N, C-alpha and C. Protein backbone atom coordinates (compact mmCIF):
# COMPACT_ATOMS: atom_id res chain seq x y z
N MET A 1 7.68 -27.70 30.97
CA MET A 1 6.55 -26.89 31.37
C MET A 1 6.49 -25.67 30.44
N PRO A 2 5.34 -25.41 29.83
CA PRO A 2 5.23 -24.25 28.93
C PRO A 2 5.25 -22.93 29.70
N VAL A 3 5.73 -21.92 29.04
CA VAL A 3 5.78 -20.58 29.62
C VAL A 3 4.60 -19.78 29.07
N GLU A 4 3.85 -19.18 29.95
CA GLU A 4 2.70 -18.37 29.55
C GLU A 4 3.05 -16.90 29.68
N ILE A 5 2.90 -16.17 28.58
CA ILE A 5 3.19 -14.73 28.58
C ILE A 5 1.91 -14.00 28.94
N MET A 6 1.95 -13.29 30.05
CA MET A 6 0.77 -12.59 30.53
C MET A 6 0.71 -11.15 30.01
N GLU A 7 1.85 -10.60 29.67
CA GLU A 7 1.89 -9.21 29.23
C GLU A 7 2.98 -9.08 28.17
N LEU A 8 2.68 -8.34 27.13
CA LEU A 8 3.64 -8.12 26.05
C LEU A 8 3.77 -6.63 25.83
N ILE A 9 4.98 -6.13 25.93
CA ILE A 9 5.24 -4.71 25.73
C ILE A 9 6.12 -4.55 24.50
N VAL A 10 5.66 -3.77 23.54
CA VAL A 10 6.41 -3.53 22.32
C VAL A 10 6.72 -2.04 22.24
N ARG A 11 8.00 -1.73 22.10
CA ARG A 11 8.43 -0.34 21.97
C ARG A 11 9.23 -0.21 20.69
N ALA A 12 9.01 0.90 20.00
CA ALA A 12 9.75 1.15 18.77
C ALA A 12 10.11 2.62 18.68
N ASN A 13 11.29 2.88 18.19
CA ASN A 13 11.73 4.25 17.94
C ASN A 13 11.89 4.41 16.44
N VAL A 14 11.18 5.34 15.86
CA VAL A 14 11.26 5.60 14.43
C VAL A 14 11.89 6.97 14.25
N GLN A 15 12.99 7.02 13.52
CA GLN A 15 13.67 8.27 13.29
C GLN A 15 13.75 8.51 11.79
N GLU A 16 13.50 9.75 11.40
CA GLU A 16 13.60 10.11 10.00
C GLU A 16 15.05 10.43 9.67
N SER A 17 15.39 10.35 8.40
CA SER A 17 16.74 10.73 7.99
C SER A 17 16.91 12.23 8.16
N SER A 18 18.14 12.68 8.34
CA SER A 18 18.40 14.08 8.65
C SER A 18 18.00 15.01 7.50
N GLY A 19 18.04 14.57 6.27
CA GLY A 19 17.67 15.40 5.13
C GLY A 19 16.18 15.64 5.04
N ASN A 20 15.40 14.80 5.65
CA ASN A 20 13.95 14.87 5.55
C ASN A 20 13.30 15.43 6.81
N ALA A 21 14.06 15.56 7.90
CA ALA A 21 13.48 15.94 9.18
C ALA A 21 12.90 17.35 9.18
N GLY A 22 13.55 18.31 8.57
CA GLY A 22 13.06 19.68 8.56
C GLY A 22 11.78 19.82 7.77
N ALA A 23 11.67 19.15 6.65
CA ALA A 23 10.47 19.24 5.82
C ALA A 23 9.28 18.59 6.51
N ALA A 24 9.50 17.49 7.17
CA ALA A 24 8.40 16.79 7.83
C ALA A 24 7.92 17.57 9.06
N ALA A 25 8.81 18.29 9.72
CA ALA A 25 8.42 19.03 10.91
C ALA A 25 7.52 20.21 10.57
N THR A 26 7.67 20.79 9.39
CA THR A 26 6.85 21.94 9.02
C THR A 26 5.61 21.54 8.25
N ASP A 27 5.52 20.27 7.86
CA ASP A 27 4.37 19.80 7.08
C ASP A 27 3.20 19.52 8.01
N ASP A 28 2.01 19.37 7.44
CA ASP A 28 0.81 19.13 8.24
C ASP A 28 0.58 17.65 8.52
N GLY A 29 1.52 16.80 8.20
CA GLY A 29 1.38 15.37 8.50
C GLY A 29 0.93 14.56 7.31
N SER A 30 0.67 15.17 6.18
CA SER A 30 0.20 14.42 5.02
C SER A 30 1.32 14.17 4.02
N SER A 31 2.57 14.30 4.44
CA SER A 31 3.70 14.10 3.54
C SER A 31 3.93 12.62 3.29
N ASP A 32 4.83 12.33 2.36
CA ASP A 32 5.18 10.94 2.07
C ASP A 32 5.82 10.27 3.27
N GLY A 33 6.56 11.04 4.07
CA GLY A 33 7.18 10.48 5.27
C GLY A 33 6.14 9.97 6.25
N ALA A 34 5.07 10.71 6.43
CA ALA A 34 4.01 10.28 7.34
C ALA A 34 3.30 9.05 6.80
N VAL A 35 3.11 9.00 5.50
CA VAL A 35 2.47 7.84 4.88
C VAL A 35 3.38 6.63 5.04
N HIS A 36 4.68 6.83 4.87
CA HIS A 36 5.63 5.74 5.02
C HIS A 36 5.63 5.24 6.47
N LYS A 37 5.61 6.15 7.43
CA LYS A 37 5.56 5.76 8.84
C LYS A 37 4.30 4.96 9.13
N GLN A 38 3.17 5.42 8.61
CA GLN A 38 1.91 4.73 8.85
C GLN A 38 1.95 3.32 8.27
N ALA A 39 2.51 3.18 7.07
CA ALA A 39 2.62 1.86 6.44
C ALA A 39 3.54 0.96 7.25
N LEU A 40 4.62 1.52 7.77
CA LEU A 40 5.55 0.74 8.59
C LEU A 40 4.88 0.27 9.87
N ILE A 41 4.14 1.15 10.51
CA ILE A 41 3.44 0.80 11.75
C ILE A 41 2.40 -0.28 11.48
N GLU A 42 1.64 -0.15 10.40
CA GLU A 42 0.63 -1.15 10.05
C GLU A 42 1.27 -2.51 9.80
N GLU A 43 2.40 -2.52 9.11
CA GLU A 43 3.10 -3.77 8.83
C GLU A 43 3.59 -4.41 10.12
N CYS A 44 4.13 -3.62 11.03
CA CYS A 44 4.60 -4.14 12.32
C CYS A 44 3.45 -4.74 13.12
N VAL A 45 2.33 -4.04 13.15
CA VAL A 45 1.17 -4.53 13.89
C VAL A 45 0.68 -5.84 13.29
N GLU A 46 0.63 -5.92 11.97
CA GLU A 46 0.19 -7.16 11.31
C GLU A 46 1.11 -8.32 11.66
N GLN A 47 2.41 -8.08 11.67
CA GLN A 47 3.36 -9.15 11.97
C GLN A 47 3.23 -9.61 13.42
N VAL A 48 3.05 -8.66 14.34
CA VAL A 48 2.87 -9.03 15.75
C VAL A 48 1.59 -9.83 15.93
N LEU A 49 0.51 -9.40 15.30
CA LEU A 49 -0.75 -10.13 15.40
C LEU A 49 -0.64 -11.53 14.80
N GLU A 50 0.10 -11.66 13.72
CA GLU A 50 0.29 -12.97 13.10
C GLU A 50 1.07 -13.90 14.03
N ILE A 51 2.09 -13.37 14.68
CA ILE A 51 2.87 -14.17 15.63
C ILE A 51 1.98 -14.61 16.78
N LEU A 52 1.15 -13.70 17.28
CA LEU A 52 0.25 -14.05 18.38
C LEU A 52 -0.78 -15.10 17.96
N ARG A 53 -1.28 -15.00 16.73
CA ARG A 53 -2.22 -16.01 16.24
C ARG A 53 -1.57 -17.38 16.19
N HIS A 54 -0.33 -17.44 15.71
CA HIS A 54 0.39 -18.72 15.63
C HIS A 54 0.63 -19.29 17.03
N ARG A 55 0.93 -18.44 17.98
CA ARG A 55 1.16 -18.92 19.35
C ARG A 55 -0.13 -19.46 19.95
N ASN A 56 -1.26 -18.84 19.64
CA ASN A 56 -2.53 -19.29 20.19
C ASN A 56 -2.98 -20.61 19.59
N GLU A 57 -2.51 -20.92 18.37
CA GLU A 57 -2.87 -22.18 17.72
C GLU A 57 -2.15 -23.37 18.32
N ARG A 58 -1.05 -23.14 18.99
CA ARG A 58 -0.26 -24.25 19.54
C ARG A 58 -0.95 -24.93 20.67
């Protein structure tokens, strides 16, 4: 019998390295660290959506 997932919860904790934390905290959010975080989040979302697409094709 197949299992149907009715709800999917994804949690992630992103932590910066200790050498970069002080600079990012005082920046306005346009630093390389913020760009890197945004790229990482976008990649994670794309991978999750791809997995869901493959599951729906089955």
